[in-house]
């Protein structure tokens, strides 16, 4: 079984993704700072794109 066989859709895929993220956060301390900064930045970008899409309609 290769890595390409891991399901990435649905609830099971979300659980696998969160599990991998937790493992990385525990194993690599520098990843904590990266996620601490990148997750809020991603949320801001998502909100801007959503607002821009609503104005276009």
N, C-alpha and C. Protein backbone atom coordinates (compact mmCIF):
# COMPACT_ATOMS: atom_id res chain seq x y z
N UNK A 1 0.85 -1.19 0.00
CA UNK A 1 0.00 0.00 0.00
C UNK A 1 0.89 1.24 0.00
N UNK A 2 0.64 2.13 -0.94
CA UNK A 2 1.42 3.35 -1.04
C UNK A 2 0.67 4.53 -0.47
N UNK A 3 1.36 5.65 -0.41
CA UNK A 3 0.76 6.87 0.13
C UNK A 3 -0.40 7.36 -0.73
N UNK A 4 -0.40 7.02 -2.00
CA UNK A 4 -1.47 7.45 -2.88
C UNK A 4 -2.80 6.77 -2.57
N UNK A 5 -2.78 5.71 -1.78
CA UNK A 5 -4.00 4.98 -1.43
C UNK A 5 -4.71 5.57 -0.21
N UNK A 6 -4.10 6.53 0.48
CA UNK A 6 -4.72 7.12 1.66
C UNK A 6 -5.89 7.98 1.22
N UNK A 7 -7.08 7.75 1.79
CA UNK A 7 -8.25 8.54 1.38
C UNK A 7 -8.10 10.00 1.83
N UNK A 8 -8.50 10.92 0.96
CA UNK A 8 -8.38 12.34 1.28
C UNK A 8 -9.71 13.06 1.24
N UNK A 9 -10.81 12.34 1.07
CA UNK A 9 -12.12 12.97 1.02
C UNK A 9 -12.94 12.58 2.23
N UNK A 10 -13.83 13.46 2.61
CA UNK A 10 -14.77 13.15 3.67
C UNK A 10 -14.18 13.26 5.06
N UNK A 11 -14.93 12.71 6.01
CA UNK A 11 -14.56 12.78 7.42
C UNK A 11 -13.25 12.01 7.68
N UNK A 12 -13.12 10.84 7.07
CA UNK A 12 -11.92 10.02 7.29
C UNK A 12 -10.68 10.76 6.81
N UNK A 13 -10.75 11.43 5.69
CA UNK A 13 -9.63 12.21 5.19
C UNK A 13 -9.28 13.37 6.11
N UNK A 14 -10.32 14.00 6.68
CA UNK A 14 -10.09 15.11 7.62
C UNK A 14 -9.40 14.60 8.89
N UNK A 15 -9.83 13.43 9.36
CA UNK A 15 -9.20 12.86 10.55
C UNK A 15 -7.74 12.54 10.28
N UNK A 16 -7.46 11.97 9.12
CA UNK A 16 -6.07 11.66 8.77
C UNK A 16 -5.24 12.94 8.66
N UNK A 17 -5.79 13.97 8.03
CA UNK A 17 -5.08 15.23 7.90
C UNK A 17 -4.79 15.87 9.25
N UNK A 18 -5.77 15.87 10.14
CA UNK A 18 -5.55 16.44 11.48
C UNK A 18 -4.53 15.62 12.26
N UNK A 19 -4.58 14.30 12.10
CA UNK A 19 -3.61 13.45 12.78
C UNK A 19 -2.20 13.73 12.33
N UNK A 20 -2.01 13.88 11.03
CA UNK A 20 -0.68 14.19 10.50
C UNK A 20 -0.21 15.55 11.01
N UNK A 21 -1.13 16.51 11.09
CA UNK A 21 -0.77 17.84 11.57
C UNK A 21 -0.35 17.79 13.04
N UNK A 22 -1.04 17.01 13.85
CA UNK A 22 -0.68 16.89 15.27
C UNK A 22 0.68 16.23 15.41
N UNK A 23 0.94 15.19 14.63
CA UNK A 23 2.24 14.52 14.69
C UNK A 23 3.37 15.49 14.33
N UNK A 24 3.16 16.29 13.31
CA UNK A 24 4.18 17.25 12.90
C UNK A 24 4.38 18.31 13.98
N UNK A 25 3.30 18.76 14.61
CA UNK A 25 3.43 19.77 15.67
C UNK A 25 4.21 19.24 16.86
N UNK A 26 4.02 17.97 17.18
CA UNK A 26 4.75 17.38 18.31
C UNK A 26 6.21 17.13 17.93
N UNK A 27 6.46 16.67 16.71
CA UNK A 27 7.80 16.28 16.30
C UNK A 27 8.70 17.46 15.93
N UNK A 28 8.12 18.52 15.38
CA UNK A 28 8.93 19.64 14.88
C UNK A 28 8.47 20.93 15.55
N UNK A 29 9.19 21.39 16.57
CA UNK A 29 8.77 22.60 17.28
C UNK A 29 8.65 23.85 16.38
N UNK A 30 9.49 23.96 15.35
CA UNK A 30 9.42 25.13 14.47
C UNK A 30 8.10 25.18 13.71
N UNK A 31 7.47 24.02 13.51
CA UNK A 31 6.19 23.98 12.80
C UNK A 31 5.09 24.67 13.59
N UNK A 32 5.23 24.71 14.91
CA UNK A 32 4.22 25.39 15.74
C UNK A 32 4.14 26.86 15.39
N UNK A 33 5.29 27.50 15.24
CA UNK A 33 5.29 28.93 14.90
C UNK A 33 4.76 29.17 13.50
N UNK A 34 5.13 28.28 12.58
CA UNK A 34 4.65 28.41 11.22
C UNK A 34 3.12 28.33 11.18
N UNK A 35 2.55 27.34 11.84
CA UNK A 35 1.09 27.20 11.85
C UNK A 35 0.43 28.31 12.64
N UNK A 36 1.07 28.77 13.70
CA UNK A 36 0.52 29.86 14.49
C UNK A 36 0.34 31.12 13.64
N UNK A 37 1.25 31.32 12.69
CA UNK A 37 1.16 32.50 11.83
C UNK A 37 0.38 32.24 10.54
N UNK A 38 0.49 31.05 9.99
CA UNK A 38 -0.12 30.80 8.68
C UNK A 38 -1.62 30.52 8.74
N UNK A 39 -2.10 29.92 9.81
CA UNK A 39 -3.54 29.63 9.88
C UNK A 39 -4.36 30.91 9.96
N UNK A 40 -4.03 31.88 10.85
CA UNK A 40 -4.80 33.13 10.83
C UNK A 40 -4.66 33.89 9.51
N UNK A 41 -3.49 33.86 8.90
CA UNK A 41 -3.31 34.52 7.61
C UNK A 41 -4.19 33.86 6.56
N UNK A 42 -4.30 32.55 6.57
CA UNK A 42 -5.17 31.85 5.63
C UNK A 42 -6.63 32.17 5.83
N UNK A 43 -7.04 32.33 7.08
CA UNK A 43 -8.43 32.69 7.36
C UNK A 43 -8.72 34.09 6.83
N UNK A 44 -7.79 35.02 7.00
CA UNK A 44 -7.98 36.38 6.49
C UNK A 44 -8.09 36.37 4.97
N UNK A 45 -7.23 35.64 4.30
CA UNK A 45 -7.29 35.56 2.84
C UNK A 45 -8.61 34.93 2.39
N UNK A 46 -9.06 33.90 3.09
CA UNK A 46 -10.34 33.26 2.74
C UNK A 46 -11.50 34.24 2.88
N UNK A 47 -11.49 35.03 3.93
CA UNK A 47 -12.56 36.02 4.12
C UNK A 47 -12.54 37.09 3.03
N UNK A 48 -11.35 37.54 2.67
CA UNK A 48 -11.23 38.55 1.61
C UNK A 48 -11.74 37.99 0.29
N UNK A 49 -11.36 36.77 -0.04
CA UNK A 49 -11.83 36.15 -1.28
C UNK A 49 -13.34 35.95 -1.27
N UNK A 50 -13.89 35.59 -0.13
CA UNK A 50 -15.35 35.40 -0.04
C UNK A 50 -16.09 36.73 -0.24
N UNK A 51 -15.58 37.78 0.39
CA UNK A 51 -16.21 39.10 0.23
C UNK A 51 -16.08 39.59 -1.21
N UNK A 52 -14.94 39.37 -1.82
CA UNK A 52 -14.73 39.80 -3.20
C UNK A 52 -15.68 39.04 -4.14
N UNK A 53 -15.92 37.79 -3.87
CA UNK A 53 -16.82 36.99 -4.70
C UNK A 53 -18.27 37.45 -4.55
N UNK A 54 -18.66 37.83 -3.35
CA UNK A 54 -20.02 38.32 -3.12
C UNK A 54 -20.27 39.64 -3.84
N UNK A 55 -19.28 40.50 -3.89
CA UNK A 55 -19.45 41.80 -4.56
C UNK A 55 -19.58 41.64 -6.06
N UNK A 56 -18.95 40.60 -6.61
CA UNK A 56 -19.00 40.36 -8.05
C UNK A 56 -20.37 39.90 -8.50
N UNK A 57 -21.11 39.25 -7.62
CA UNK A 57 -22.41 38.69 -8.01
C UNK A 57 -23.49 39.70 -8.11
